[in-house]
Amino acid sequence: MTEPGKGRLGASLVSAIFKTPLERERDFYRRYRELSGLIGESPDNMIVLVLRGELNLERGEYERAKTDFERALELARDLDEAKGWLLMEQVMRDRALYGLKLAEREL
């Protein structure tokens, strides 16, 4: 006999890993809307731009990904000139550079 709730944990892990195409589609659009909303509230948030760019890249939306990565890199240049770098911004700049390279390769 299994412990109470243990079967549900396994089932939820399996469902998280093996999503149906419809569930993956809904998840993509939910994440995309959330990130776009955050960008609408704070258009100079480099971190959110990179995350949305990566989401677009994953989806095969290379032109949109390129736009997000280029905007993030513009913001990175502004930070560089202002010497306002923090570790997270450096990591996001590197991710934007890498993502831009991947997107341009597909265009």
PDB file of N, CA and C in Angstrom:
ATOM      1  N   MET A   1       0.845  -1.180   0.000  1.00  0.00           N
ATOM      2  CA  MET A   1       0.000   0.000   0.000  1.00  0.00           C
ATOM      3  C   MET A   1       0.891   1.244   0.000  1.00  0.00           C
ATOM      4  N   THR A   2       0.550   2.227  -0.833  1.00  0.00           N
ATOM      5  CA  THR A   2       1.355   3.441  -0.907  1.00  0.00           C
ATOM      6  C   THR A   2       0.891   4.445   0.127  1.00  0.00           C
ATOM      7  N   GLU A   3       1.790   5.362   0.424  1.00  0.00           N
ATOM      8  CA  GLU A   3       1.463   6.418   1.377  1.00  0.00           C
ATOM      9  C   GLU A   3       0.434   7.363   0.764  1.00  0.00           C
ATOM     10  N   PRO A   4      -0.423   7.966   1.600  1.00  0.00           N
ATOM     11  CA  PRO A   4      -1.417   8.911   1.073  1.00  0.00           C
ATOM     12  C   PRO A   4      -0.731  10.070   0.347  1.00  0.00           C
ATOM     13  N   GLY A   5      -1.229  10.382  -0.820  1.00  0.00           N
ATOM     14  CA  GLY A   5      -0.694  11.512  -1.581  1.00  0.00           C
ATOM     15  C   GLY A   5       0.504  11.169  -2.431  1.00  0.00           C
ATOM     16  N   LYS A   6       1.155  10.046  -2.190  1.00  0.00           N
ATOM     17  CA  LYS A   6       2.361   9.705  -2.932  1.00  0.00           C
ATOM     18  C   LYS A   6       2.054   9.417  -4.397  1.00  0.00           C
ATOM     19  N   GLY A   7       0.939   8.745  -4.670  1.00  0.00           N
ATOM     20  CA  GLY A   7       0.548   8.465  -6.046  1.00  0.00           C
ATOM     21  C   GLY A   7       0.257   9.737  -6.824  1.00  0.00           C
ATOM     22  N   ARG A   8      -0.331  10.714  -6.150  1.00  0.00           N
ATOM     23  CA  ARG A   8      -0.634  11.989  -6.810  1.00  0.00           C
ATOM     24  C   ARG A   8       0.632  12.737  -7.181  1.00  0.00           C
ATOM     25  N   LEU A   9       1.647  12.658  -6.342  1.00  0.00           N
ATOM     26  CA  LEU A   9       2.906  13.333  -6.646  1.00  0.00           C
ATOM     27  C   LEU A   9       3.511  12.748  -7.907  1.00  0.00           C
ATOM     28  N   GLY A  10       3.546  11.441  -7.985  1.00  0.00           N
ATOM     29  CA  GLY A  10       4.084  10.795  -9.181  1.00  0.00           C
ATOM     30  C   GLY A  10       3.295  11.159 -10.419  1.00  0.00           C
ATOM     31  N   ALA A  11       1.978  11.181 -10.288  1.00  0.00           N
ATOM     32  CA  ALA A  11       1.124  11.531 -11.427  1.00  0.00           C
ATOM     33  C   ALA A  11       1.354  12.975 -11.863  1.00  0.00           C
ATOM     34  N   SER A  12       1.528  13.879 -10.898  1.00  0.00           N
ATOM     35  CA  SER A  12       1.748  15.281 -11.272  1.00  0.00           C
ATOM     36  C   SER A  12       3.119  15.474 -11.912  1.00  0.00           C
ATOM     37  N   LEU A  13       4.119  14.725 -11.461  1.00  0.00           N
ATOM     38  CA  LEU A  13       5.434  14.807 -12.094  1.00  0.00           C
ATOM     39  C   LEU A  13       5.383  14.297 -13.526  1.00  0.00           C
ATOM     40  N   VAL A  14       4.711  13.179 -13.727  1.00  0.00           N
ATOM     41  CA  VAL A  14       4.587  12.620 -15.075  1.00  0.00           C
ATOM     42  C   VAL A  14       3.833  13.581 -15.981  1.00  0.00           C
ATOM     43  N   SER A  15       2.749  14.171 -15.479  1.00  0.00           N
ATOM     44  CA  SER A  15       1.976  15.092 -16.320  1.00  0.00           C
ATOM     45  C   SER A  15       2.766  16.364 -16.621  1.00  0.00           C
ATOM     46  N   ALA A  16       3.659  16.762 -15.720  1.00  0.00           N
ATOM     47  CA  ALA A  16       4.488  17.944 -15.978  1.00  0.00           C
ATOM     48  C   ALA A  16       5.521  17.655 -17.057  1.00  0.00           C
ATOM     49  N   ILE A  17       6.017  16.437 -17.084  1.00  0.00           N
ATOM     50  CA  ILE A  17       7.037  16.071 -18.066  1.00  0.00           C
ATOM     51  C   ILE A  17       6.411  15.768 -19.419  1.00  0.00           C
ATOM     52  N   PHE A  18       5.335  15.013 -19.412  1.00  0.00           N
ATOM     53  CA  PHE A  18       4.710  14.552 -20.647  1.00  0.00           C
ATOM     54  C   PHE A  18       3.411  15.307 -20.902  1.00  0.00           C
ATOM     55  N   LYS A  19       3.533  16.539 -21.359  1.00  0.00           N
ATOM     56  CA  LYS A  19       2.353  17.351 -21.651  1.00  0.00           C
ATOM     57  C   LYS A  19       1.871  17.050 -23.068  1.00  0.00           C
ATOM     58  N   THR A  20       0.574  17.161 -23.245  1.00  0.00           N
ATOM     59  CA  THR A  20       0.017  16.998 -24.583  1.00  0.00           C
ATOM     60  C   THR A  20       0.390  18.226 -25.409  1.00  0.00           C
ATOM     61  N   PRO A  21       0.327  18.123 -26.731  1.00  0.00           N
ATOM     62  CA  PRO A  21       0.620  19.299 -27.564  1.00  0.00           C
ATOM     63  C   PRO A  21      -0.257  20.503 -27.210  1.00  0.00           C
ATOM     64  N   LEU A  22      -1.521  20.248 -26.905  1.00  0.00           N
ATOM     65  CA  LEU A  22      -2.413  21.347 -26.535  1.00  0.00           C
ATOM     66  C   LEU A  22      -1.972  21.993 -25.225  1.00  0.00           C
ATOM     67  N   GLU A  23      -1.565  21.186 -24.257  1.00  0.00           N
ATOM     68  CA  GLU A  23      -1.081  21.726 -22.981  1.00  0.00           C
ATOM     69  C   GLU A  23       0.199  22.532 -23.186  1.00  0.00           C
ATOM     70  N   ARG A  24       1.094  22.051 -24.040  1.00  0.00           N
ATOM     71  CA  ARG A  24       2.330  22.794 -24.326  1.00  0.00           C
ATOM     72  C   ARG A  24       2.017  24.122 -25.002  1.00  0.00           C
ATOM     73  N   GLU A  25       1.045  24.101 -25.919  1.00  0.00           N
ATOM     74  CA  GLU A  25       0.640  25.323 -26.614  1.00  0.00           C
ATOM     75  C   GLU A  25       0.062  26.339 -25.629  1.00  0.00           C
ATOM     76  N   ARG A  26      -0.813  25.878 -24.759  1.00  0.00           N
ATOM     77  CA  ARG A  26      -1.400  26.770 -23.746  1.00  0.00           C
ATOM     78  C   ARG A  26      -0.332  27.319 -22.818  1.00  0.00           C
ATOM     79  N   ASP A  27       0.616  26.473 -22.430  1.00  0.00           N
ATOM     80  CA  ASP A  27       1.698  26.894 -21.544  1.00  0.00           C
ATOM     81  C   ASP A  27       2.552  27.965 -22.211  1.00  0.00           C
ATOM     82  N   PHE A  28       2.857  27.768 -23.493  1.00  0.00           N
ATOM     83  CA  PHE A  28       3.642  28.760 -24.229  1.00  0.00           C
ATOM     84  C   PHE A  28       2.939  30.113 -24.218  1.00  0.00           C
ATOM     85  N   TYR A  29       1.660  30.122 -24.602  1.00  0.00           N
ATOM     86  CA  TYR A  29       0.941  31.396 -24.682  1.00  0.00           C
ATOM     87  C   TYR A  29       0.748  32.037 -23.315  1.00  0.00           C
ATOM     88  N   ARG A  30       0.575  31.242 -22.275  1.00  0.00           N
ATOM     89  CA  ARG A  30       0.467  31.793 -20.922  1.00  0.00           C
ATOM     90  C   ARG A  30       1.773  32.486 -20.543  1.00  0.00           C
ATOM     91  N   ARG A  31       2.899  31.806 -20.766  1.00  0.00           N
ATOM     92  CA  ARG A  31       4.198  32.406 -20.438  1.00  0.00           C
ATOM     93  C   ARG A  31       4.465  33.630 -21.303  1.00  0.00           C
ATOM     94  N   TYR A  32       4.109  33.547 -22.587  1.00  0.00           N
ATOM     95  CA  TYR A  32       4.331  34.669 -23.490  1.00  0.00           C
ATOM     96  C   TYR A  32       3.533  35.893 -23.039  1.00  0.00           C
ATOM     97  N   ARG A  33       2.262  35.692 -22.681  1.00  0.00           N
ATOM     98  CA  ARG A  33       1.434  36.811 -22.204  1.00  0.00           C
ATOM     99  C   ARG A  33       1.994  37.414 -20.922  1.00  0.00           C
ATOM    100  N   GLU A  34       2.437  36.554 -20.006  1.00  0.00           N
ATOM    101  CA  GLU A  34       2.997  37.059 -18.750  1.00  0.00           C
ATOM    102  C   GLU A  34       4.245  37.900 -19.009  1.00  0.00           C
ATOM    103  N   LEU A  35       5.147  37.387 -19.834  1.00  0.00           N
ATOM    104  CA  LEU A  35       6.373  38.135 -20.128  1.00  0.00           C
ATOM    105  C   LEU A  35       6.059  39.427 -20.876  1.00  0.00           C
ATOM    106  N   SER A  36       5.152  39.382 -21.830  1.00  0.00           N
ATOM    107  CA  SER A  36       4.781  40.587 -22.576  1.00  0.00           C
ATOM    108  C   SER A  36       4.144  41.619 -21.656  1.00  0.00           C
ATOM    109  N   GLY A  37       3.335  41.162 -20.707  1.00  0.00           N
ATOM    110  CA  GLY A  37       2.749  42.081 -19.732  1.00  0.00           C
ATOM    111  C   GLY A  37       3.811  42.760 -18.888  1.00  0.00           C
ATOM    112  N   LEU A  38       4.803  41.993 -18.465  1.00  0.00           N
ATOM    113  CA  LEU A  38       5.898  42.569 -17.679  1.00  0.00           C
ATOM    114  C   LEU A  38       6.704  43.563 -18.504  1.00  0.00           C
ATOM    115  N   ILE A  39       6.901  43.260 -19.784  1.00  0.00           N
ATOM    116  CA  ILE A  39       7.622  44.189 -20.657  1.00  0.00           C
ATOM    117  C   ILE A  39       6.798  45.456 -20.850  1.00  0.00           C
ATOM    118  N   GLY A  40       5.473  45.307 -20.956  1.00  0.00           N
ATOM    119  CA  GLY A  40       4.603  46.481 -21.067  1.00  0.00           C
ATOM    120  C   GLY A  40       4.711  47.387 -19.850  1.00  0.00           C
ATOM    121  N   GLU A  41       4.840  46.779 -18.675  1.00  0.00           N
ATOM    122  CA  GLU A  41       4.971  47.546 -17.437  1.00  0.00           C
ATOM    123  C   GLU A  41       6.360  48.155 -17.288  1.00  0.00           C
ATOM    124  N   SER A  42       7.368  47.450 -17.784  1.00  0.00           N
ATOM    125  CA  SER A  42       8.750  47.898 -17.625  1.00  0.00           C
ATOM    126  C   SER A  42       9.538  47.576 -18.897  1.00  0.00           C
ATOM    127  N   PRO A  43       9.398  48.422 -19.935  1.00  0.00           N
ATOM    128  CA  PRO A  43      10.013  48.119 -21.230  1.00  0.00           C
ATOM    129  C   PRO A  43      11.544  48.081 -21.218  1.00  0.00           C
ATOM    130  N   ASP A  44      12.159  48.592 -20.179  1.00  0.00           N
ATOM    131  CA  ASP A  44      13.621  48.577 -20.093  1.00  0.00           C
ATOM    132  C   ASP A  44      14.137  47.456 -19.207  1.00  0.00           C
ATOM    133  N   ASN A  45      13.329  46.434 -18.994  1.00  0.00           N
ATOM    134  CA  ASN A  45      13.744  45.296 -18.175  1.00  0.00           C
ATOM    135  C   ASN A  45      14.448  44.284 -19.072  1.00  0.00           C
ATOM    136  N   MET A  46      15.760  44.333 -19.064  1.00  0.00           N
ATOM    137  CA  MET A  46      16.568  43.484 -19.927  1.00  0.00           C
ATOM    138  C   MET A  46      16.331  42.005 -19.650  1.00  0.00           C
ATOM    139  N   ILE A  47      16.150  41.655 -18.399  1.00  0.00           N
ATOM    140  CA  ILE A  47      15.979  40.251 -18.022  1.00  0.00           C
ATOM    141  C   ILE A  47      14.726  39.666 -18.666  1.00  0.00           C
ATOM    142  N   VAL A  48      13.623  40.383 -18.588  1.00  0.00           N
ATOM    143  CA  VAL A  48      12.365  39.882 -19.140  1.00  0.00           C
ATOM    144  C   VAL A  48      12.431  39.831 -20.669  1.00  0.00           C
ATOM    145  N   LEU A  49      13.113  40.791 -21.283  1.00  0.00           N
ATOM    146  CA  LEU A  49      13.284  40.757 -22.736  1.00  0.00           C
ATOM    147  C   LEU A  49      14.052  39.514 -23.172  1.00  0.00           C
ATOM    148  N   VAL A  50      15.104  39.180 -22.444  1.00  0.00           N
ATOM    149  CA  VAL A  50      15.886  37.988 -22.788  1.00  0.00           C
ATOM    150  C   VAL A  50      15.038  36.731 -22.605  1.00  0.00           C
ATOM    151  N   LEU A  51      14.283  36.668 -21.521  1.00  0.00           N
ATOM    152  CA  LEU A  51      13.435  35.491 -21.291  1.00  0.00           C
ATOM    153  C   LEU A  51      12.394  35.328 -22.395  1.00  0.00           C
ATOM    154  N   ARG A  52      11.780  36.438 -22.820  1.00  0.00           N
ATOM    155  CA  ARG A  52      10.805  36.337 -23.908  1.00  0.00           C
ATOM    156  C   ARG A  52      11.501  35.997 -25.224  1.00  0.00           C
ATOM    157  N   GLY A  53      12.697  36.527 -25.430  1.00  0.00           N
ATOM    158  CA  GLY A  53      13.459  36.172 -26.628  1.00  0.00           C
ATOM    159  C   GLY A  53      13.767  34.688 -26.670  1.00  0.00           C
ATOM    160  N   GLU A  54      14.147  34.127 -25.525  1.00  0.00           N
ATOM    161  CA  GLU A  54      14.428  32.693 -25.462  1.00  0.00           C
ATOM    162  C   GLU A  54      13.166  31.872 -25.712  1.00  0.00           C
ATOM    163  N   LEU A  55      12.047  32.354 -25.212  1.00  0.00           N
ATOM    164  CA  LEU A  55      10.777  31.665 -25.449  1.00  0.00           C
ATOM    165  C   LEU A  55      10.434  31.689 -26.940  1.00  0.00           C
ATOM    166  N   ASN A  56      10.631  32.837 -27.579  1.00  0.00           N
ATOM    167  CA  ASN A  56      10.399  32.934 -29.021  1.00  0.00           C
ATOM    168  C   ASN A  56      11.349  32.030 -29.799  1.00  0.00           C
ATOM    169  N   LEU A  57      12.584  31.975 -29.370  1.00  0.00           N
ATOM    170  CA  LEU A  57      13.576  31.124 -30.026  1.00  0.00           C
ATOM    171  C   LEU A  57      13.166  29.659 -29.935  1.00  0.00           C
ATOM    172  N   GLU A  58      12.741  29.261 -28.756  1.00  0.00           N
ATOM    173  CA  GLU A  58      12.280  27.889 -28.533  1.00  0.00           C
ATOM    174  C   GLU A  58      11.099  27.559 -29.443  1.00  0.00           C
ATOM    175  N   ARG A  59      10.290  28.535 -29.712  1.00  0.00           N
ATOM    176  CA  ARG A  59       9.074  28.357 -30.507  1.00  0.00           C
ATOM    177  C   ARG A  59       9.341  28.438 -32.008  1.00  0.00           C
ATOM    178  N   GLY A  60      10.540  28.891 -32.387  1.00  0.00           N
ATOM    179  CA  GLY A  60      10.844  29.042 -33.809  1.00  0.00           C
ATOM    180  C   GLY A  60      10.447  30.395 -34.365  1.00  0.00           C
ATOM    181  N   GLU A  61      10.130  31.338 -33.486  1.00  0.00           N
ATOM    182  CA  GLU A  61       9.777  32.706 -33.884  1.00  0.00           C
ATOM    183  C   GLU A  61      11.067  33.527 -33.895  1.00  0.00           C
ATOM    184  N   TYR A  62      11.897  33.287 -34.912  1.00  0.00           N
ATOM    185  CA  TYR A  62      13.252  33.832 -34.917  1.00  0.00           C
ATOM    186  C   TYR A  62      13.297  35.347 -35.064  1.00  0.00           C
ATOM    187  N   GLU A  63      12.417  35.923 -35.862  1.00  0.00           N
ATOM    188  CA  GLU A  63      12.412  37.375 -36.033  1.00  0.00           C
ATOM    189  C   GLU A  63      12.035  38.070 -34.724  1.00  0.00           C
ATOM    190  N   ARG A  64      11.028  37.548 -34.038  1.00  0.00           N
ATOM    191  CA  ARG A  64      10.637  38.119 -32.742  1.00  0.00           C
ATOM    192  C   ARG A  64      11.745  37.939 -31.712  1.00  0.00           C
ATOM    193  N   ALA A  65      12.375  36.783 -31.728  1.00  0.00           N
ATOM    194  CA  ALA A  65      13.479  36.532 -30.797  1.00  0.00           C
ATOM    195  C   ALA A  65      14.602  37.530 -31.050  1.00  0.00           C
ATOM    196  N   LYS A  66      14.931  37.719 -32.312  1.00  0.00           N
ATOM    197  CA  LYS A  66      16.001  38.648 -32.685  1.00  0.00           C
ATOM    198  C   LYS A  66      15.687  40.056 -32.184  1.00  0.00           C
ATOM    199  N   THR A  67      14.443  40.482 -32.343  1.00  0.00           N
ATOM    200  CA  THR A  67      14.034  41.816 -31.884  1.00  0.00           C
ATOM    201  C   THR A  67      14.213  41.956 -30.374  1.00  0.00           C
ATOM    202  N   ASP A  68      13.777  40.949 -29.622  1.00  0.00           N
ATOM    203  CA  ASP A  68      13.922  41.003 -28.161  1.00  0.00           C
ATOM    204  C   ASP A  68      15.389  41.003 -27.747  1.00  0.00           C
ATOM    205  N   PHE A  69      16.198  40.160 -28.376  1.00  0.00           N
ATOM    206  CA  PHE A  69      17.617  40.099 -28.018  1.00  0.00           C
ATOM    207  C   PHE A  69      18.332  41.399 -28.378  1.00  0.00           C
ATOM    208  N   GLU A  70      18.012  41.975 -29.530  1.00  0.00           N
ATOM    209  CA  GLU A  70      18.645  43.241 -29.917  1.00  0.00           C
ATOM    210  C   GLU A  70      18.281  44.354 -28.942  1.00  0.00           C
ATOM    211  N   ARG A  71      17.034  44.399 -28.511  1.00  0.00           N
ATOM    212  CA  ARG A  71      16.622  45.425 -27.536  1.00  0.00           C
ATOM    213  C   ARG A  71      17.344  45.209 -26.209  1.00  0.00           C
ATOM    214  N   ALA A  72      17.463  43.961 -25.788  1.00  0.00           N
ATOM    215  CA  ALA A  72      18.176  43.660 -24.541  1.00  0.00           C
ATOM    216  C   ALA A  72      19.636  44.089 -24.644  1.00  0.00           C
ATOM    217  N   LEU A  73      20.240  43.883 -25.803  1.00  0.00           N
ATOM    218  CA  LEU A  73      21.641  44.276 -25.977  1.00  0.00           C
ATOM    219  C   LEU A  73      21.800  45.794 -26.017  1.00  0.00           C
ATOM    220  N   GLU A  74      20.800  46.510 -26.539  1.00  0.00           N
ATOM    221  CA  GLU A  74      20.826  47.981 -26.468  1.00  0.00           C
ATOM    222  C   GLU A  74      20.845  48.428 -25.009  1.00  0.00           C
ATOM    223  N   LEU A  75      19.993  47.810 -24.209  1.00  0.00           N
ATOM    224  CA  LEU A  75      19.949  48.143 -22.781  1.00  0.00           C
ATOM    225  C   LEU A  75      21.263  47.775 -22.101  1.00  0.00           C
ATOM    226  N   ALA A  76      21.883  46.687 -22.533  1.00  0.00           N
ATOM    227  CA  ALA A  76      23.173  46.283 -21.968  1.00  0.00           C
ATOM    228  C   ALA A  76      24.240  47.323 -22.279  1.00  0.00           C
ATOM    229  N   ARG A  77      24.208  47.863 -23.501  1.00  0.00           N
ATOM    230  CA  ARG A  77      25.183  48.907 -23.855  1.00  0.00           C
ATOM    231  C   ARG A  77      24.984  50.145 -22.980  1.00  0.00           C
ATOM    232  N   ASP A  78      23.714  50.480 -22.724  1.00  0.00           N
ATOM    233  CA  ASP A  78      23.434  51.622 -21.846  1.00  0.00           C
ATOM    234  C   ASP A  78      23.989  51.376 -20.446  1.00  0.00           C
ATOM    235  N   LEU A  79      23.823  50.158 -19.943  1.00  0.00           N
ATOM    236  CA  LEU A  79      24.372  49.816 -18.625  1.00  0.00           C
ATOM    237  C   LEU A  79      25.889  49.884 -18.632  1.00  0.00           C
ATOM    238  N   ASP A  80      26.480  49.446 -19.728  1.00  0.00           N
ATOM    239  CA  ASP A  80      27.935  49.452 -19.841  1.00  0.00           C
ATOM    240  C   ASP A  80      28.459  50.883 -19.775  1.00  0.00           C
ATOM    241  N   GLU A  81      27.787  51.782 -20.489  1.00  0.00           N
ATOM    242  CA  GLU A  81      28.208  53.184 -20.487  1.00  0.00           C
ATOM    243  C   GLU A  81      28.017  53.818 -19.116  1.00  0.00           C
ATOM    244  N   ALA A  82      26.977  53.403 -18.405  1.00  0.00           N
ATOM    245  CA  ALA A  82      26.696  53.960 -17.080  1.00  0.00           C
ATOM    246  C   ALA A  82      27.439  53.217 -15.972  1.00  0.00           C
ATOM    247  N   LYS A  83      28.171  52.183 -16.356  1.00  0.00           N
ATOM    248  CA  LYS A  83      28.879  51.327 -15.399  1.00  0.00           C
ATOM    249  C   LYS A  83      27.918  50.810 -14.328  1.00  0.00           C
ATOM    250  N   GLY A  84      26.718  50.396 -14.794  1.00  0.00           N
ATOM    251  CA  GLY A  84      25.690  49.927 -13.879  1.00  0.00           C
ATOM    252  C   GLY A  84      25.519  48.421 -13.882  1.00  0.00           C
ATOM    253  N   TRP A  85      26.601  47.710 -14.148  1.00  0.00           N
ATOM    254  CA  TRP A  85      26.515  46.254 -14.265  1.00  0.00           C
ATOM    255  C   TRP A  85      26.366  45.559 -12.921  1.00  0.00           C
ATOM    256  N   LEU A  86      25.468  44.612 -12.911  1.00  0.00           N
ATOM    257  CA  LEU A  86      25.350  43.659 -11.816  1.00  0.00           C
ATOM    258  C   LEU A  86      25.510  42.277 -12.435  1.00  0.00           C
ATOM    259  N   LEU A  87      25.702  41.283 -11.632  1.00  0.00           N
ATOM    260  CA  LEU A  87      25.939  39.936 -12.144  1.00  0.00           C
ATOM    261  C   LEU A  87      24.801  39.458 -13.041  1.00  0.00           C
ATOM    262  N   MET A  88      23.564  39.657 -12.624  1.00  0.00           N
ATOM    263  CA  MET A  88      22.425  39.176 -13.411  1.00  0.00           C
ATOM    264  C   MET A  88      22.390  39.835 -14.787  1.00  0.00           C
ATOM    265  N   GLU A  89      22.688  41.119 -14.853  1.00  0.00           N
ATOM    266  CA  GLU A  89      22.683  41.812 -16.134  1.00  0.00           C
ATOM    267  C   GLU A  89      23.779  41.273 -17.048  1.00  0.00           C
ATOM    268  N   GLN A  90      24.932  40.925 -16.481  1.00  0.00           N
ATOM    269  CA  GLN A  90      26.008  40.342 -17.290  1.00  0.00           C
ATOM    270  C   GLN A  90      25.595  38.991 -17.859  1.00  0.00           C
ATOM    271  N   VAL A  91      24.958  38.188 -17.032  1.00  0.00           N
ATOM    272  CA  VAL A  91      24.487  36.871 -17.481  1.00  0.00           C
ATOM    273  C   VAL A  91      23.443  37.040 -18.581  1.00  0.00           C
ATOM    274  N   MET A  92      22.513  37.966 -18.403  1.00  0.00           N
ATOM    275  CA  MET A  92      21.465  38.173 -19.402  1.00  0.00           C
ATOM    276  C   MET A  92      22.046  38.710 -20.704  1.00  0.00           C
ATOM    277  N   ARG A  93      23.057  39.557 -20.613  1.00  0.00           N
ATOM    278  CA  ARG A  93      23.701  40.049 -21.838  1.00  0.00           C
ATOM    279  C   ARG A  93      24.311  38.890 -22.608  1.00  0.00           C
ATOM    280  N   ASP A  94      24.989  38.002 -21.896  1.00  0.00           N
ATOM    281  CA  ASP A  94      25.592  36.840 -22.553  1.00  0.00           C
ATOM    282  C   ASP A  94      24.527  35.940 -23.174  1.00  0.00           C
ATOM    283  N   ARG A  95      23.417  35.754 -22.474  1.00  0.00           N
ATOM    284  CA  ARG A  95      22.326  34.938 -23.019  1.00  0.00           C
ATOM    285  C   ARG A  95      21.707  35.608 -24.240  1.00  0.00           C
ATOM    286  N   ALA A  96      21.610  36.941 -24.221  1.00  0.00           N
ATOM    287  CA  ALA A  96      21.073  37.666 -25.374  1.00  0.00           C
ATOM    288  C   ALA A  96      22.007  37.537 -26.571  1.00  0.00           C
ATOM    289  N   LEU A  97      23.304  37.643 -26.347  1.00  0.00           N
ATOM    290  CA  LEU A  97      24.267  37.479 -27.444  1.00  0.00           C
ATOM    291  C   LEU A  97      24.166  36.091 -28.061  1.00  0.00           C
ATOM    292  N   TYR A  98      24.090  35.086 -27.220  1.00  0.00           N
ATOM    293  CA  TYR A  98      23.987  33.713 -27.700  1.00  0.00           C
ATOM    294  C   TYR A  98      22.660  33.490 -28.431  1.00  0.00           C
ATOM    295  N   GLY A  99      21.571  33.974 -27.858  1.00  0.00           N
ATOM    296  CA  GLY A  99      20.264  33.822 -28.488  1.00  0.00           C
ATOM    297  C   GLY A  99      20.185  34.539 -29.820  1.00  0.00           C
ATOM    298  N   LEU A 100      20.772  35.732 -29.898  1.00  0.00           N
ATOM    299  CA  LEU A 100      20.784  36.481 -31.149  1.00  0.00           C
ATOM    300  C   LEU A 100      21.540  35.710 -32.221  1.00  0.00           C
ATOM    301  N   LYS A 101      22.658  35.123 -31.843  1.00  0.00           N
ATOM    302  CA  LYS A 101      23.436  34.324 -32.792  1.00  0.00           C
ATOM    303  C   LYS A 101      22.597  33.157 -33.323  1.00  0.00           C
ATOM    304  N   LEU A 102      21.878  32.479 -32.442  1.00  0.00           N
ATOM    305  CA  LEU A 102      21.032  31.355 -32.866  1.00  0.00           C
ATOM    306  C   LEU A 102      19.895  31.822 -33.773  1.00  0.00           C
ATOM    307  N   ALA A 103      19.255  32.930 -33.412  1.00  0.00           N
ATOM    308  CA  ALA A 103      18.137  33.443 -34.215  1.00  0.00           C
ATOM    309  C   ALA A 103      18.613  33.860 -35.596  1.00  0.00           C
ATOM    310  N   GLU A 104      19.747  34.554 -35.666  1.00  0.00           N
ATOM    311  CA  GLU A 104      20.266  35.003 -36.961  1.00  0.00           C
ATOM    312  C   GLU A 104      20.670  33.824 -37.832  1.00  0.00           C
ATOM    313  N   ARG A 105      21.127  32.762 -37.225  1.00  0.00           N
ATOM    314  CA  ARG A 105      21.506  31.566 -37.981  1.00  0.00           C
ATOM    315  C   ARG A 105      20.287  30.960 -38.678  1.00  0.00           C
ATOM    316  N   GLU A 106      19.115  31.098 -38.062  1.00  0.00           N
ATOM    317  CA  GLU A 106      17.892  30.508 -38.617  1.00  0.00           C
ATOM    318  C   GLU A 106      17.198  31.415 -39.634  1.00  0.00           C
ATOM    319  N   LEU A 107      17.552  32.699 -39.641  1.00  0.00           N
ATOM    320  CA  LEU A 107      16.886  33.636 -40.571  1.00  0.00           C
ATOM    321  C   LEU A 107      17.526  33.617 -41.938  1.00  0.00           C
TER     322      LEU A 107
END
